[in-house]
Amino acid sequence: MKSRVLTAIILFPPVIYLIGWSPLWIFVAAIITTVTLGLQEYVVICRQSGIRTLAPLVYAGGWGVCLAQVLALRSVANPAALFLALFIPVMMSLAMLWVEDLKQYLGAAATTILGILYIGVPMSFLIVLRSSDPVNGRDLLLFLFLVIWAGDICAYLVGRPLGRHFLFPRLSPRKTFEGALGGLGGSLLAAWAYTHWVWKSVDLRAAIIMAGLIAIAGQVGDFVESALKRGAGVKDSGTILPGHGGMLDRIDALLFGAATLWLARTLHLF
């Protein structure tokens, strides 16, 4: 518990700086670093599950989609979609040469594509959310992170002492309905506080609804990572963050939350 709190305290200031005030190149470098660490843990999880992943290609795909989003900021076209449309056929072609046993070809190609879509693409959305809207970009990301963080903290604080009814024990034996409701309440409260006192230009009702969707998506993302770890027989995705486990353990909710917010912005729903 102490190491968990200490790690959070140490990471909070630099993460806030990266989100809202760092130059674009530093922010992109941080995103690519996070993607790299997340993919590294993902490759290990796949290996523990008995599935080979084409590590060099999954890294290249994750980096490429992030850099393509940077190009998208200065282009009318969609370089990220174009990159994936080109990369996936090339990757599947190279996989035929790299995989000696063709019984492993489908698993290797599928997990490589999944790693890019699961980690690289959602993290690249953070670049779009921050940079495509000069006025609201900073607030969008701060809103997203605060909703995710508040949900995580409140789920822990409520679920640990009050949790009685298990939510999905097959995937996560310690998560409870009480903790999930506490996390949802914390996310909504954080959204209300931020939009009431800081981000006053956004509609409060829309922000609360968006926070609820992000919170639910984040909890689903948490369970998805739990399913991957359970299938691989591992407790944490890594040990890079004392008290928190690995990078994937820290960003599992963010991946689904970022995708949800990006989709809402793309469809002009928020």
Protein backbone atom coordinates (compact mmCIF):
# COMPACT_ATOMS: atom_id res chain seq x y z
CA MET A 1 0.00 0.00 0.00
CA LYS A 2 2.80 2.42 0.92
CA SER A 3 4.72 1.75 -2.29
CA ARG A 4 1.49 2.17 -4.30
CA VAL A 5 0.80 5.58 -2.77
CA LEU A 6 4.43 6.70 -3.03
CA THR A 7 4.61 5.74 -6.71
CA ALA A 8 1.40 7.65 -7.42
CA ILE A 9 2.69 10.76 -5.62
CA ILE A 10 5.99 10.68 -7.51
CA LEU A 11 4.37 10.18 -10.93
CA PHE A 12 1.52 12.68 -10.54
CA PRO A 13 3.43 15.96 -11.24
CA PRO A 14 5.33 14.79 -14.35
CA VAL A 15 2.21 13.16 -15.81
CA ILE A 16 0.19 16.36 -15.31
CA TYR A 17 2.99 18.35 -16.97
CA LEU A 18 3.12 15.93 -19.91
CA ILE A 19 -0.65 16.04 -20.36
CA GLY A 20 -1.13 19.76 -20.37
CA TRP A 21 2.06 21.78 -20.69
CA SER A 22 4.84 19.78 -22.34
CA PRO A 23 5.93 20.49 -25.94
CA LEU A 24 4.36 18.17 -28.49
CA TRP A 25 7.58 16.26 -29.16
CA ILE A 26 8.02 15.45 -25.45
CA PHE A 27 4.40 14.34 -25.21
CA VAL A 28 4.75 12.11 -28.28
CA ALA A 29 8.00 10.67 -26.90
CA ALA A 30 6.22 9.84 -23.64
CA ILE A 31 3.36 8.18 -25.54
CA ILE A 32 5.77 6.08 -27.63
CA THR A 33 7.69 5.08 -24.48
CA THR A 34 4.44 4.01 -22.81
CA VAL A 35 3.40 2.07 -25.91
CA THR A 36 6.80 0.34 -25.99
CA LEU A 37 6.59 -0.73 -22.34
CA GLY A 38 2.99 -1.83 -22.73
CA LEU A 39 3.76 -3.87 -25.84
CA GLN A 40 6.77 -5.42 -24.15
CA GLU A 41 4.52 -6.70 -21.38
CA TYR A 42 1.91 -7.78 -23.92
CA VAL A 43 4.49 -9.87 -25.79
CA VAL A 44 5.46 -11.59 -22.53
CA ILE A 45 1.79 -12.30 -21.72
CA CYS A 46 1.32 -13.82 -25.17
CA ARG A 47 4.43 -15.95 -24.69
CA GLN A 48 3.18 -17.13 -21.30
CA SER A 49 -0.09 -18.09 -23.01
CA GLY A 50 1.85 -20.22 -25.47
CA ILE A 51 1.41 -17.87 -28.42
CA ARG A 52 4.33 -16.40 -30.33
CA THR A 53 4.14 -12.71 -31.20
CA LEU A 54 6.30 -11.05 -33.84
CA ALA A 55 7.83 -8.56 -31.42
CA PRO A 56 9.77 -6.35 -33.89
CA LEU A 57 6.65 -5.92 -36.01
CA VAL A 58 4.31 -5.23 -33.11
CA TYR A 59 6.71 -2.52 -31.86
CA ALA A 60 7.02 -1.05 -35.35
CA GLY A 61 3.25 -1.00 -35.72
CA GLY A 62 2.72 0.65 -32.35
CA TRP A 63 5.32 3.34 -33.04
CA GLY A 64 4.14 3.84 -36.59
CA VAL A 65 0.51 4.50 -35.73
CA CYS A 66 1.57 7.08 -33.10
CA LEU A 67 3.85 8.90 -35.53
CA ALA A 68 1.12 8.76 -38.18
CA GLN A 69 -1.20 10.60 -35.78
CA VAL A 70 1.37 13.38 -35.57
CA LEU A 71 1.32 13.66 -39.36
CA ALA A 72 -2.48 13.69 -39.22
CA LEU A 73 -2.32 16.99 -37.30
CA ARG A 74 -0.91 18.64 -40.41
CA SER A 75 -2.82 16.73 -43.07
CA VAL A 76 -6.35 16.50 -44.40
CA ALA A 77 -5.92 12.78 -45.04
CA ASN A 78 -5.80 10.11 -42.33
CA PRO A 79 -2.21 8.84 -42.19
CA ALA A 80 -2.97 6.47 -39.28
CA ALA A 81 -5.62 4.60 -41.28
CA LEU A 82 -3.38 4.58 -44.35
CA PHE A 83 -0.47 3.28 -42.28
CA LEU A 84 -2.53 0.41 -40.85
CA ALA A 85 -3.98 -0.42 -44.26
CA LEU A 86 -0.43 -0.80 -45.60
CA PHE A 87 1.25 -2.22 -42.51
CA ILE A 88 -1.11 -5.13 -41.81
CA PRO A 89 -0.74 -6.81 -45.25
CA VAL A 90 3.04 -6.26 -45.15
CA MET A 91 3.22 -7.69 -41.63
CA MET A 92 1.20 -10.77 -42.57
CA SER A 93 3.45 -11.29 -45.59
CA LEU A 94 6.63 -11.07 -43.51
CA ALA A 95 5.12 -13.40 -40.91
CA MET A 96 5.06 -16.17 -43.52
CA LEU A 97 8.86 -15.89 -43.75
CA TRP A 98 9.52 -15.56 -40.02
CA VAL A 99 7.27 -18.32 -38.72
CA GLU A 100 8.83 -21.70 -39.44
CA ASP A 101 5.90 -23.81 -38.19
CA LEU A 102 2.81 -22.68 -40.10
CA LYS A 103 0.65 -23.98 -37.28
CA GLN A 104 1.86 -20.90 -35.40
CA TYR A 105 1.28 -18.49 -38.28
CA LEU A 106 -2.31 -17.55 -37.44
CA GLY A 107 -1.59 -17.01 -33.75
CA ALA A 108 1.56 -14.98 -34.44
CA ALA A 109 -0.10 -12.74 -37.03
CA ALA A 110 -3.31 -12.31 -35.00
CA THR A 111 -1.57 -11.41 -31.72
CA THR A 112 0.72 -8.98 -33.53
CA ILE A 113 -2.25 -7.15 -35.05
CA LEU A 114 -4.14 -7.27 -31.75
CA GLY A 115 -1.23 -5.73 -29.87
CA ILE A 116 -1.19 -2.75 -32.24
CA LEU A 117 -4.97 -2.30 -32.07
CA TYR A 118 -5.18 -2.89 -28.31
CA ILE A 119 -2.29 -0.68 -27.18
CA GLY A 120 -0.84 1.38 -30.02
CA VAL A 121 -4.05 2.75 -31.54
CA PRO A 122 -5.78 3.86 -28.29
CA MET A 123 -2.60 5.51 -27.00
CA SER A 124 -2.22 7.32 -30.33
CA PHE A 125 -5.68 8.81 -29.78
CA LEU A 126 -4.20 10.80 -26.89
CA ILE A 127 -2.05 12.67 -29.42
CA VAL A 128 -5.13 13.53 -31.44
CA LEU A 129 -7.18 14.58 -28.41
CA ARG A 130 -4.44 16.83 -27.08
CA SER A 131 -3.33 18.47 -30.31
CA SER A 132 -6.24 18.60 -32.71
CA ASP A 133 -8.19 21.09 -30.58
CA PRO A 134 -5.93 23.99 -29.50
CA VAL A 135 -8.55 25.37 -27.11
CA ASN A 136 -9.88 22.25 -25.40
CA GLY A 137 -7.10 19.71 -25.96
CA ARG A 138 -5.48 20.16 -22.57
CA ASP A 139 -8.83 20.07 -20.77
CA LEU A 140 -9.91 16.98 -22.70
CA LEU A 141 -6.90 14.99 -21.54
CA LEU A 142 -7.00 16.29 -17.98
CA PHE A 143 -10.69 15.41 -17.88
CA LEU A 144 -9.97 11.91 -19.20
CA PHE A 145 -7.14 11.20 -16.79
CA LEU A 146 -8.95 12.60 -13.76
CA VAL A 147 -12.04 10.52 -14.51
CA ILE A 148 -9.91 7.36 -14.85
CA TRP A 149 -7.80 8.11 -11.78
CA ALA A 150 -10.75 9.02 -9.59
CA GLY A 151 -12.55 5.86 -10.62
CA ASP A 152 -9.52 3.72 -9.84
CA ILE A 153 -8.92 5.33 -6.44
CA CYS A 154 -12.56 5.28 -5.33
CA ALA A 155 -13.05 1.70 -6.49
CA TYR A 156 -10.13 0.70 -4.28
CA LEU A 157 -11.21 2.80 -1.29
CA VAL A 158 -14.82 1.58 -1.43
CA GLY A 159 -14.26 -1.98 -2.58
CA ARG A 160 -11.58 -2.90 -0.07
CA PRO A 161 -13.58 -2.25 3.13
CA LEU A 162 -17.13 -2.59 1.82
CA GLY A 163 -16.91 -5.08 -1.05
CA ARG A 164 -19.09 -8.15 -0.48
CA HIS A 165 -20.50 -9.15 -3.86
CA PHE A 166 -17.96 -10.23 -6.45
CA LEU A 167 -18.40 -8.73 -9.89
CA PHE A 168 -16.57 -11.17 -12.16
CA PRO A 169 -14.58 -13.64 -10.01
CA ARG A 170 -13.51 -15.74 -13.00
CA LEU A 171 -11.45 -12.79 -14.23
CA SER A 172 -10.71 -10.78 -11.10
CA PRO A 173 -11.43 -12.39 -7.73
CA ARG A 174 -11.10 -9.16 -5.75
CA LYS A 175 -13.29 -6.78 -7.74
CA THR A 176 -16.78 -6.26 -6.32
CA PHE A 177 -20.03 -4.56 -7.28
CA GLU A 178 -19.52 -2.17 -4.39
CA GLY A 179 -16.07 -1.21 -5.65
CA ALA A 180 -17.35 -0.78 -9.21
CA LEU A 181 -20.15 1.52 -8.02
CA GLY A 182 -17.69 3.44 -5.87
CA GLY A 183 -15.40 3.86 -8.88
CA LEU A 184 -18.26 5.07 -11.06
CA GLY A 185 -19.31 7.54 -8.38
CA GLY A 186 -15.76 8.81 -8.02
CA SER A 187 -15.45 9.34 -11.77
CA LEU A 188 -18.71 11.29 -11.92
CA LEU A 189 -17.71 13.41 -8.94
CA ALA A 190 -14.33 14.19 -10.49
CA ALA A 191 -16.01 15.16 -13.78
CA TRP A 192 -18.46 17.44 -11.98
CA ALA A 193 -15.70 19.11 -9.95
CA TYR A 194 -13.43 19.68 -12.95
CA THR A 195 -16.15 21.09 -15.20
CA HIS A 196 -17.72 23.13 -12.40
CA TRP A 197 -14.54 24.86 -11.26
CA VAL A 198 -12.02 24.56 -14.10
CA TRP A 199 -13.41 23.60 -17.52
CA LYS A 200 -16.42 25.90 -17.44
CA SER A 201 -16.86 26.16 -21.19
CA VAL A 202 -18.16 22.59 -21.54
CA ASP A 203 -21.77 21.59 -20.91
CA LEU A 204 -21.95 20.06 -17.43
CA ARG A 205 -24.59 17.47 -18.29
CA ALA A 206 -22.66 16.29 -21.35
CA ALA A 207 -19.49 16.05 -19.27
CA ILE A 208 -21.19 13.90 -16.62
CA ILE A 209 -22.59 11.55 -19.28
CA MET A 210 -19.18 11.37 -20.97
CA ALA A 211 -17.52 10.63 -17.64
CA GLY A 212 -19.94 7.78 -17.03
CA LEU A 213 -19.17 6.25 -20.43
CA ILE A 214 -15.42 6.63 -19.88
CA ALA A 215 -15.68 5.09 -16.42
CA ILE A 216 -17.64 2.08 -17.69
CA ALA A 217 -15.26 1.64 -20.63
CA GLY A 218 -12.32 1.87 -18.23
CA GLN A 219 -13.71 -0.87 -16.01
CA VAL A 220 -14.23 -3.07 -19.07
CA GLY A 221 -10.63 -2.38 -20.08
CA ASP A 222 -9.52 -3.46 -16.62
CA PHE A 223 -11.34 -6.77 -17.01
CA VAL A 224 -9.92 -7.30 -20.51
CA GLU A 225 -6.39 -7.04 -19.18
CA SER A 226 -7.32 -9.33 -16.30
CA ALA A 227 -8.55 -11.89 -18.85
CA LEU A 228 -5.23 -11.71 -20.71
CA LYS A 229 -3.27 -12.16 -17.48
CA ARG A 230 -5.50 -14.98 -16.24
CA GLY A 231 -5.08 -16.82 -19.51
CA ALA A 232 -1.31 -16.45 -19.20
CA GLY A 233 -1.27 -17.43 -15.52
CA VAL A 234 0.36 -14.19 -14.32
CA LYS A 235 -0.73 -11.85 -11.53
CA ASP A 236 0.73 -8.57 -12.86
CA SER A 237 1.78 -7.61 -16.35
CA GLY A 238 5.15 -6.45 -15.00
CA THR A 239 7.01 -4.87 -12.10
CA ILE A 240 8.07 -1.52 -13.51
CA LEU A 241 5.76 0.49 -11.19
CA PRO A 242 6.17 -0.46 -7.51
CA GLY A 243 2.80 -1.16 -5.94
CA HIS A 244 1.02 -0.92 -9.28
CA GLY A 245 2.53 -3.80 -11.27
CA GLY A 246 3.38 -3.21 -14.90
CA MET A 247 2.61 -0.51 -17.41
CA LEU A 248 -0.40 -2.41 -18.75
CA ASP A 249 -1.76 -2.65 -15.21
CA ARG A 250 -1.63 1.14 -15.07
CA ILE A 251 -3.06 1.97 -18.50
CA ASP A 252 -5.60 -0.83 -19.01
CA ALA A 253 -8.55 1.45 -18.17
CA LEU A 254 -7.00 4.39 -20.03
CA LEU A 255 -6.83 2.43 -23.30
CA PHE A 256 -10.59 1.89 -23.43
CA GLY A 257 -11.37 5.30 -21.93
CA ALA A 258 -9.25 7.11 -24.53
CA ALA A 259 -10.92 5.19 -27.36
CA THR A 260 -14.36 6.10 -25.97
CA LEU A 261 -13.54 9.80 -25.68
CA TRP A 262 -11.95 9.88 -29.14
CA LEU A 263 -15.02 8.24 -30.66
CA ALA A 264 -17.34 10.71 -28.96
CA ARG A 265 -15.26 13.64 -30.25
CA THR A 266 -15.07 12.19 -33.76
CA LEU A 267 -18.85 11.79 -33.88
CA HIS A 268 -19.29 15.28 -32.38
CA LEU A 269 -21.17 13.85 -29.40
CA PHE A 270 -19.00 15.69 -26.85
